[in-house]
Amino acid sequence: MKEVIIIEDESSIADLIKLHLQDIDCEVHCFVNGKDGYQFALKNPFDLLILDINLPGMNGLDICRELRANKITSPILMLTARTEEIDKVLGLETGADDYITKPFGIREFLARVKAIFRRVEIDRVEQFESIKLIEFKGLSIDRKKRKVELRGGRIELTPKEFDLLYTLATNPGVTFERKELLSKVWGYDFEGYEHTVNSHINRLRGKIEKDPNNPEYVLTTWGVGYRFADN
């Protein structure tokens, strides 16, 4: 069974998603207070954390940020009633793997959860079957350690930023459409979510490129998608 933590102060939402998660063989632990949920997540291994942003005790962005600072890499799915793009971006920048905006349909919610589980399983298989060290023009990508270095200095990437970079770098010169990257990295195929890829590409370039407006590693194939440099 998958161990899932829900930190959500709206009991009707927490109860609904707990019920449906139990139907797909998840052991679910619910918390209404952010600080209580954070302490539990810090001390107990989990397969997925479902995290609201607005919480009493400790807000979701701080919880996410602190868990990542403590080297906890388990997936985090953020729930938010906010609709502004900046709030979604903030959630992803603090280390969340995905977000979904309230109100949401339970079918889409479950699809997101299953996609996250599927991605984790694929990652585990790849760690044993396809462990690679990629080196290109001072950039080093270690798949086994999930470590990226640029000219000897460590670059801190979120889990999705790393997956995105690794997917591109293992296929140098190959252009991926945004929907392809959405499927490969996030594991789902929802129309209209290509902006998630764009925002991750922008943040990734901000971390590894000397000049993000004139990238050396992650290149744009105009009108199509993105590719990793091959020369």
C-alpha atoms as a PDB file:
ATOM      1  CA  MET A   1       0.000   0.000   0.000  1.00  0.00           C
ATOM      2  CA  LYS A   2       1.070   3.552  -0.692  1.00  0.00           C
ATOM      3  CA  GLU A   3       1.556   5.822   2.311  1.00  0.00           C
ATOM      4  CA  VAL A   4      -0.175   9.151   1.692  1.00  0.00           C
ATOM      5  CA  ILE A   5      -0.281  12.220   3.931  1.00  0.00           C
ATOM      6  CA  ILE A   6      -3.007  14.823   3.509  1.00  0.00           C
ATOM      7  CA  ILE A   7      -2.572  18.249   5.118  1.00  0.00           C
ATOM      8  CA  GLU A   8      -5.839  20.065   4.432  1.00  0.00           C
ATOM      9  CA  ASP A   9      -7.960  22.099   6.839  1.00  0.00           C
ATOM     10  CA  GLU A  10     -11.209  21.753   4.859  1.00  0.00           C
ATOM     11  CA  SER A  11     -12.610  18.505   6.234  1.00  0.00           C
ATOM     12  CA  SER A  12     -15.023  17.957   3.349  1.00  0.00           C
ATOM     13  CA  ILE A  13     -12.149  17.990   0.834  1.00  0.00           C
ATOM     14  CA  ALA A  14      -9.861  15.889   3.020  1.00  0.00           C
ATOM     15  CA  ASP A  15     -12.562  13.280   3.623  1.00  0.00           C
ATOM     16  CA  LEU A  16     -13.436  13.066  -0.067  1.00  0.00           C
ATOM     17  CA  ILE A  17      -9.905  12.544  -1.318  1.00  0.00           C
ATOM     18  CA  LYS A  18      -9.122  10.174   1.558  1.00  0.00           C
ATOM     19  CA  LEU A  19     -12.084   7.992   0.566  1.00  0.00           C
ATOM     20  CA  HIS A  20     -10.985   7.788  -3.070  1.00  0.00           C
ATOM     21  CA  LEU A  21      -7.333   7.216  -2.182  1.00  0.00           C
ATOM     22  CA  GLN A  22      -8.317   4.297   0.017  1.00  0.00           C
ATOM     23  CA  ASP A  23     -10.085   2.826  -3.015  1.00  0.00           C
ATOM     24  CA  ILE A  24      -6.736   2.648  -4.813  1.00  0.00           C
ATOM     25  CA  ASP A  25      -4.978   0.931  -1.881  1.00  0.00           C
ATOM     26  CA  CYS A  26      -3.509   3.920  -0.078  1.00  0.00           C
ATOM     27  CA  GLU A  27      -2.945   4.212   3.645  1.00  0.00           C
ATOM     28  CA  VAL A  28      -3.977   7.799   4.383  1.00  0.00           C
ATOM     29  CA  HIS A  29      -2.965  10.059   7.286  1.00  0.00           C
ATOM     30  CA  CYS A  30      -4.876  13.344   7.596  1.00  0.00           C
ATOM     31  CA  PHE A  31      -3.918  16.571   9.359  1.00  0.00           C
ATOM     32  CA  VAL A  32      -5.729  19.910   9.580  1.00  0.00           C
ATOM     33  CA  ASN A  33      -2.842  21.809  11.191  1.00  0.00           C
ATOM     34  CA  GLY A  34       0.167  22.557   9.018  1.00  0.00           C
ATOM     35  CA  LYS A  35       2.738  22.263  11.769  1.00  0.00           C
ATOM     36  CA  ASP A  36       1.387  18.904  12.971  1.00  0.00           C
ATOM     37  CA  GLY A  37       1.367  17.542   9.434  1.00  0.00           C
ATOM     38  CA  TYR A  38       4.878  18.818   8.791  1.00  0.00           C
ATOM     39  CA  GLN A  39       6.264  17.129  11.902  1.00  0.00           C
ATOM     40  CA  PHE A  40       4.631  13.842  10.883  1.00  0.00           C
ATOM     41  CA  ALA A  41       5.962  14.060   7.314  1.00  0.00           C
ATOM     42  CA  LEU A  42       9.431  14.887   8.622  1.00  0.00           C
ATOM     43  CA  LYS A  43       9.567  11.729  10.750  1.00  0.00           C
ATOM     44  CA  ASN A  44       7.593   9.193   8.680  1.00  0.00           C
ATOM     45  CA  PRO A  45       8.372   7.946   5.151  1.00  0.00           C
ATOM     46  CA  PHE A  46       5.596   8.621   2.649  1.00  0.00           C
ATOM     47  CA  ASP A  47       4.871   7.984  -1.023  1.00  0.00           C
ATOM     48  CA  LEU A  48       2.879  11.181  -1.569  1.00  0.00           C
ATOM     49  CA  LEU A  49       2.070  14.353   0.344  1.00  0.00           C
ATOM     50  CA  ILE A  50      -1.123  16.180  -0.621  1.00  0.00           C
ATOM     51  CA  LEU A  51      -0.671  19.682   0.673  1.00  0.00           C
ATOM     52  CA  ASP A  52      -2.945  22.713   0.854  1.00  0.00           C
ATOM     53  CA  ILE A  53      -1.305  26.164   0.720  1.00  0.00           C
ATOM     54  CA  ASN A  54      -3.465  28.061   3.217  1.00  0.00           C
ATOM     55  CA  LEU A  55      -3.153  26.215   6.529  1.00  0.00           C
ATOM     56  CA  PRO A  56      -3.214  27.074  10.223  1.00  0.00           C
ATOM     57  CA  GLY A  57       0.046  26.619  12.104  1.00  0.00           C
ATOM     58  CA  MET A  58       2.329  26.513   9.072  1.00  0.00           C
ATOM     59  CA  ASN A  59       1.496  27.277   5.458  1.00  0.00           C
ATOM     60  CA  GLY A  60       1.944  24.792   2.644  1.00  0.00           C
ATOM     61  CA  LEU A  61       4.724  26.679   0.873  1.00  0.00           C
ATOM     62  CA  ASP A  62       6.844  26.680   4.034  1.00  0.00           C
ATOM     63  CA  ILE A  63       6.104  22.989   4.640  1.00  0.00           C
ATOM     64  CA  CYS A  64       7.206  22.117   1.124  1.00  0.00           C
ATOM     65  CA  ARG A  65      10.313  24.277   1.347  1.00  0.00           C
ATOM     66  CA  GLU A  66      11.371  22.821   4.708  1.00  0.00           C
ATOM     67  CA  LEU A  67      10.837  19.200   3.649  1.00  0.00           C
ATOM     68  CA  ARG A  68      13.014  19.723   0.588  1.00  0.00           C
ATOM     69  CA  ALA A  69      15.626  21.481   2.718  1.00  0.00           C
ATOM     70  CA  ASN A  70      15.693  18.331   4.863  1.00  0.00           C
ATOM     71  CA  LYS A  71      16.431  16.227   1.745  1.00  0.00           C
ATOM     72  CA  ILE A  72      12.982  14.617   1.652  1.00  0.00           C
ATOM     73  CA  THR A  73      12.342  14.009  -2.048  1.00  0.00           C
ATOM     74  CA  SER A  74       9.024  12.136  -1.890  1.00  0.00           C
ATOM     75  CA  PRO A  75       6.391  13.590  -4.260  1.00  0.00           C
ATOM     76  CA  ILE A  76       4.285  16.568  -3.189  1.00  0.00           C
ATOM     77  CA  LEU A  77       0.996  17.523  -4.833  1.00  0.00           C
ATOM     78  CA  MET A  78      -0.195  20.982  -3.836  1.00  0.00           C
ATOM     79  CA  LEU A  79      -3.840  21.993  -3.547  1.00  0.00           C
ATOM     80  CA  THR A  80      -4.708  25.646  -3.843  1.00  0.00           C
ATOM     81  CA  ALA A  81      -7.794  27.809  -4.128  1.00  0.00           C
ATOM     82  CA  ARG A  82      -5.657  30.542  -5.634  1.00  0.00           C
ATOM     83  CA  THR A  83      -5.878  30.981  -9.383  1.00  0.00           C
ATOM     84  CA  GLU A  84      -3.032  33.420 -10.029  1.00  0.00           C
ATOM     85  CA  GLU A  85      -0.148  31.918 -11.987  1.00  0.00           C
ATOM     86  CA  ILE A  86       2.408  33.391  -9.566  1.00  0.00           C
ATOM     87  CA  ASP A  87       1.030  31.278  -6.698  1.00  0.00           C
ATOM     88  CA  LYS A  88       1.286  28.109  -8.768  1.00  0.00           C
ATOM     89  CA  VAL A  89       4.831  28.974  -9.743  1.00  0.00           C
ATOM     90  CA  LEU A  90       5.749  29.632  -6.121  1.00  0.00           C
ATOM     91  CA  GLY A  91       4.465  26.203  -5.199  1.00  0.00           C
ATOM     92  CA  LEU A  92       6.575  24.550  -7.874  1.00  0.00           C
ATOM     93  CA  GLU A  93       9.648  26.607  -7.023  1.00  0.00           C
ATOM     94  CA  THR A  94       9.545  25.455  -3.405  1.00  0.00           C
ATOM     95  CA  GLY A  95       9.846  21.870  -4.637  1.00  0.00           C
ATOM     96  CA  ALA A  96       6.309  20.634  -5.307  1.00  0.00           C
ATOM     97  CA  ASP A  97       5.978  18.063  -8.083  1.00  0.00           C
ATOM     98  CA  ASP A  98       2.554  19.196  -9.259  1.00  0.00           C
ATOM     99  CA  TYR A  99      -0.405  21.350  -8.278  1.00  0.00           C
ATOM    100  CA  ILE A 100      -4.142  21.247  -8.779  1.00  0.00           C
ATOM    101  CA  THR A 101      -6.495  24.188  -8.302  1.00  0.00           C
ATOM    102  CA  LYS A 102      -9.716  23.987  -6.298  1.00  0.00           C
ATOM    103  CA  PRO A 103     -12.365  23.164  -7.200  1.00  0.00           C
ATOM    104  CA  PHE A 104     -11.178  20.061  -9.034  1.00  0.00           C
ATOM    105  CA  GLY A 105     -12.842  16.941 -10.380  1.00  0.00           C
ATOM    106  CA  ILE A 106     -12.056  13.726  -8.564  1.00  0.00           C
ATOM    107  CA  ARG A 107     -11.211  11.952 -11.844  1.00  0.00           C
ATOM    108  CA  GLU A 108      -8.529  14.511 -12.682  1.00  0.00           C
ATOM    109  CA  PHE A 109      -7.240  14.393  -9.107  1.00  0.00           C
ATOM    110  CA  LEU A 110      -6.879  10.600  -9.193  1.00  0.00           C
ATOM    111  CA  ALA A 111      -5.252  10.788 -12.624  1.00  0.00           C
ATOM    112  CA  ARG A 112      -2.643  13.167 -11.203  1.00  0.00           C
ATOM    113  CA  VAL A 113      -2.001  10.903  -8.219  1.00  0.00           C
ATOM    114  CA  LYS A 114      -1.655   7.788 -10.379  1.00  0.00           C
ATOM    115  CA  ALA A 115       0.661   9.668 -12.730  1.00  0.00           C
ATOM    116  CA  ILE A 116       2.911  10.605  -9.811  1.00  0.00           C
ATOM    117  CA  PHE A 117       3.014   7.001  -8.563  1.00  0.00           C
ATOM    118  CA  ARG A 118       3.744   5.784 -12.094  1.00  0.00           C
ATOM    119  CA  ARG A 119       6.563   8.286 -12.513  1.00  0.00           C
ATOM    120  CA  VAL A 120       8.148   7.194  -9.230  1.00  0.00           C
ATOM    121  CA  GLU A 121       8.024   3.536 -10.265  1.00  0.00           C
ATOM    122  CA  ILE A 122       9.608   4.337 -13.628  1.00  0.00           C
ATOM    123  CA  ASP A 123      12.341   6.276 -11.839  1.00  0.00           C
ATOM    124  CA  ARG A 124      13.077   3.303  -9.596  1.00  0.00           C
ATOM    125  CA  VAL A 125      13.406   0.977 -12.571  1.00  0.00           C
ATOM    126  CA  GLU A 126      15.616   3.434 -14.445  1.00  0.00           C
ATOM    127  CA  GLN A 127      17.908   3.807 -11.448  1.00  0.00           C
ATOM    128  CA  PHE A 128      18.833   0.140 -11.790  1.00  0.00           C
ATOM    129  CA  GLU A 129      18.550  -0.311 -15.552  1.00  0.00           C
ATOM    130  CA  SER A 130      19.852   2.940 -16.971  1.00  0.00           C
ATOM    131  CA  ILE A 131      22.180   4.695 -14.577  1.00  0.00           C
ATOM    132  CA  LYS A 132      24.144   7.275 -16.522  1.00  0.00           C
ATOM    133  CA  LEU A 133      26.583  10.079 -15.923  1.00  0.00           C
ATOM    134  CA  ILE A 134      26.125  12.759 -18.561  1.00  0.00           C
ATOM    135  CA  GLU A 135      28.823  15.362 -19.118  1.00  0.00           C
ATOM    136  CA  PHE A 136      28.584  18.190 -21.640  1.00  0.00           C
ATOM    137  CA  LYS A 137      30.462  21.499 -21.753  1.00  0.00           C
ATOM    138  CA  GLY A 138      31.073  21.704 -18.007  1.00  0.00           C
ATOM    139  CA  LEU A 139      27.618  20.397 -17.096  1.00  0.00           C
ATOM    140  CA  SER A 140      27.526  17.060 -15.242  1.00  0.00           C
ATOM    141  CA  ILE A 141      24.293  15.130 -14.605  1.00  0.00           C
ATOM    142  CA  ASP A 142      24.481  12.113 -12.294  1.00  0.00           C
ATOM    143  CA  ARG A 143      21.293  10.056 -12.615  1.00  0.00           C
ATOM    144  CA  LYS A 144      22.056   7.722  -9.717  1.00  0.00           C
ATOM    145  CA  LYS A 145      22.751  10.504  -7.215  1.00  0.00           C
ATOM    146  CA  ARG A 146      20.282  12.909  -8.867  1.00  0.00           C
ATOM    147  CA  LYS A 147      23.055  15.470  -8.742  1.00  0.00           C
ATOM    148  CA  VAL A 148      23.831  18.262 -11.194  1.00  0.00           C
ATOM    149  CA  GLU A 149      27.095  20.173 -11.250  1.00  0.00           C
ATOM    150  CA  LEU A 150      28.087  23.104 -13.445  1.00  0.00           C
ATOM    151  CA  ARG A 151      31.827  23.674 -13.772  1.00  0.00           C
ATOM    152  CA  GLY A 152      32.380  21.879 -10.474  1.00  0.00           C
ATOM    153  CA  GLY A 153      29.667  23.698  -8.503  1.00  0.00           C
ATOM    154  CA  ARG A 154      26.523  21.954  -7.295  1.00  0.00           C
ATOM    155  CA  ILE A 155      23.231  23.121  -8.858  1.00  0.00           C
ATOM    156  CA  GLU A 156      20.143  22.550  -6.728  1.00  0.00           C
ATOM    157  CA  LEU A 157      17.177  21.440  -8.835  1.00  0.00           C
ATOM    158  CA  THR A 158      13.673  20.440  -7.835  1.00  0.00           C
ATOM    159  CA  PRO A 159      12.709  16.819  -8.639  1.00  0.00           C
ATOM    160  CA  LYS A 160      10.788  17.834 -11.748  1.00  0.00           C
ATOM    161  CA  GLU A 161      13.530  20.181 -12.950  1.00  0.00           C
ATOM    162  CA  PHE A 162      16.001  17.314 -12.691  1.00  0.00           C
ATOM    163  CA  ASP A 163      13.690  14.893 -14.514  1.00  0.00           C
ATOM    164  CA  LEU A 164      13.125  17.441 -17.258  1.00  0.00           C
ATOM    165  CA  LEU A 165      16.846  18.116 -17.703  1.00  0.00           C
ATOM    166  CA  TYR A 166      17.703  14.400 -17.645  1.00  0.00           C
ATOM    167  CA  THR A 167      15.020  13.574 -20.217  1.00  0.00           C
ATOM    168  CA  LEU A 168      16.370  16.199 -22.601  1.00  0.00           C
ATOM    169  CA  ALA A 169      20.047  15.478 -21.950  1.00  0.00           C
ATOM    170  CA  THR A 170      19.709  11.743 -22.605  1.00  0.00           C
ATOM    171  CA  ASN A 171      18.391  12.593 -26.059  1.00  0.00           C
ATOM    172  CA  PRO A 172      20.730  15.359 -27.309  1.00  0.00           C
ATOM    173  CA  GLY A 173      19.527  17.109 -30.442  1.00  0.00           C
ATOM    174  CA  VAL A 174      16.075  15.518 -30.250  1.00  0.00           C
ATOM    175  CA  THR A 175      13.206  17.999 -30.078  1.00  0.00           C
ATOM    176  CA  PHE A 176      10.397  17.167 -27.667  1.00  0.00           C
ATOM    177  CA  GLU A 177       7.014  18.779 -28.024  1.00  0.00           C
ATOM    178  CA  ARG A 178       5.618  20.237 -24.815  1.00  0.00           C
ATOM    179  CA  LYS A 179       2.925  17.565 -24.623  1.00  0.00           C
ATOM    180  CA  GLU A 180       5.616  14.866 -24.961  1.00  0.00           C
ATOM    181  CA  LEU A 181       7.553  16.311 -22.043  1.00  0.00           C
ATOM    182  CA  LEU A 182       4.343  16.620 -20.051  1.00  0.00           C
ATOM    183  CA  SER A 183       3.749  12.907 -20.597  1.00  0.00           C
ATOM    184  CA  LYS A 184       7.335  11.745 -20.005  1.00  0.00           C
ATOM    185  CA  VAL A 185       8.168  13.906 -16.992  1.00  0.00           C
ATOM    186  CA  TRP A 186       4.794  14.443 -15.329  1.00  0.00           C
ATOM    187  CA  GLY A 187       3.114  11.280 -16.587  1.00  0.00           C
ATOM    188  CA  TYR A 188      -0.184  12.772 -17.713  1.00  0.00           C
ATOM    189  CA  ASP A 189      -1.742  14.053 -20.904  1.00  0.00           C
ATOM    190  CA  PHE A 190      -4.071  16.929 -20.082  1.00  0.00           C
ATOM    191  CA  GLU A 191      -4.585  19.555 -22.728  1.00  0.00           C
ATOM    192  CA  GLY A 192      -3.878  23.070 -21.588  1.00  0.00           C
ATOM    193  CA  TYR A 193      -1.105  22.243 -19.111  1.00  0.00           C
ATOM    194  CA  GLU A 194       1.795  22.882 -21.486  1.00  0.00           C
ATOM    195  CA  HIS A 195       2.505  26.117 -19.559  1.00  0.00           C
ATOM    196  CA  THR A 196       3.785  23.870 -16.739  1.00  0.00           C
ATOM    197  CA  VAL A 197       6.571  22.730 -19.068  1.00  0.00           C
ATOM    198  CA  ASN A 198       7.333  26.315 -20.109  1.00  0.00           C
ATOM    199  CA  SER A 199       7.628  27.564 -16.530  1.00  0.00           C
ATOM    200  CA  HIS A 200       9.920  24.664 -15.580  1.00  0.00           C
ATOM    201  CA  ILE A 201      12.122  25.268 -18.620  1.00  0.00           C
ATOM    202  CA  ASN A 202      12.445  28.948 -17.659  1.00  0.00           C
ATOM    203  CA  ARG A 203      13.432  28.127 -14.077  1.00  0.00           C
ATOM    204  CA  LEU A 204      15.834  25.407 -15.239  1.00  0.00           C
ATOM    205  CA  ARG A 205      17.552  27.823 -17.603  1.00  0.00           C
ATOM    206  CA  GLY A 206      17.771  30.353 -14.799  1.00  0.00           C
ATOM    207  CA  LYS A 207      19.827  27.859 -12.813  1.00  0.00           C
ATOM    208  CA  ILE A 208      22.126  26.307 -15.435  1.00  0.00           C
ATOM    209  CA  GLU A 209      22.474  28.885 -18.193  1.00  0.00           C
ATOM    210  CA  LYS A 210      24.945  31.771 -18.051  1.00  0.00           C
ATOM    211  CA  ASP A 211      22.490  33.787 -20.141  1.00  0.00           C
ATOM    212  CA  PRO A 212      18.977  32.303 -20.007  1.00  0.00           C
ATOM    213  CA  ASN A 213      17.973  34.438 -22.999  1.00  0.00           C
ATOM    214  CA  ASN A 214      20.779  32.885 -25.051  1.00  0.00           C
ATOM    215  CA  PRO A 215      20.906  29.310 -23.714  1.00  0.00           C
ATOM    216  CA  GLU A 216      23.821  26.954 -24.252  1.00  0.00           C
ATOM    217  CA  TYR A 217      22.258  23.720 -23.016  1.00  0.00           C
ATOM    218  CA  VAL A 218      18.441  23.737 -23.148  1.00  0.00           C
ATOM    219  CA  LEU A 219      17.463  25.094 -26.541  1.00  0.00           C
ATOM    220  CA  THR A 220      14.147  26.056 -28.112  1.00  0.00           C
ATOM    221  CA  THR A 221      12.975  24.599 -31.401  1.00  0.00           C
ATOM    222  CA  TRP A 222      10.669  27.418 -32.378  1.00  0.00           C
ATOM    223  CA  GLY A 223       7.071  26.427 -32.935  1.00  0.00           C
ATOM    224  CA  VAL A 224       7.730  22.873 -31.781  1.00  0.00           C
ATOM    225  CA  GLY A 225       9.290  22.471 -28.334  1.00  0.00           C
ATOM    226  CA  TYR A 226      12.654  22.025 -26.612  1.00  0.00           C
ATOM    227  CA  ARG A 227      15.885  20.089 -27.131  1.00  0.00           C
ATOM    228  CA  PHE A 228      19.270  19.596 -25.474  1.00  0.00           C
ATOM    229  CA  ALA A 229      22.312  20.863 -27.363  1.00  0.00           C
ATOM    230  CA  ASP A 230      24.236  18.197 -29.282  1.00  0.00           C
ATOM    231  CA  ASN A 231      27.404  20.048 -30.208  1.00  0.00           C
END
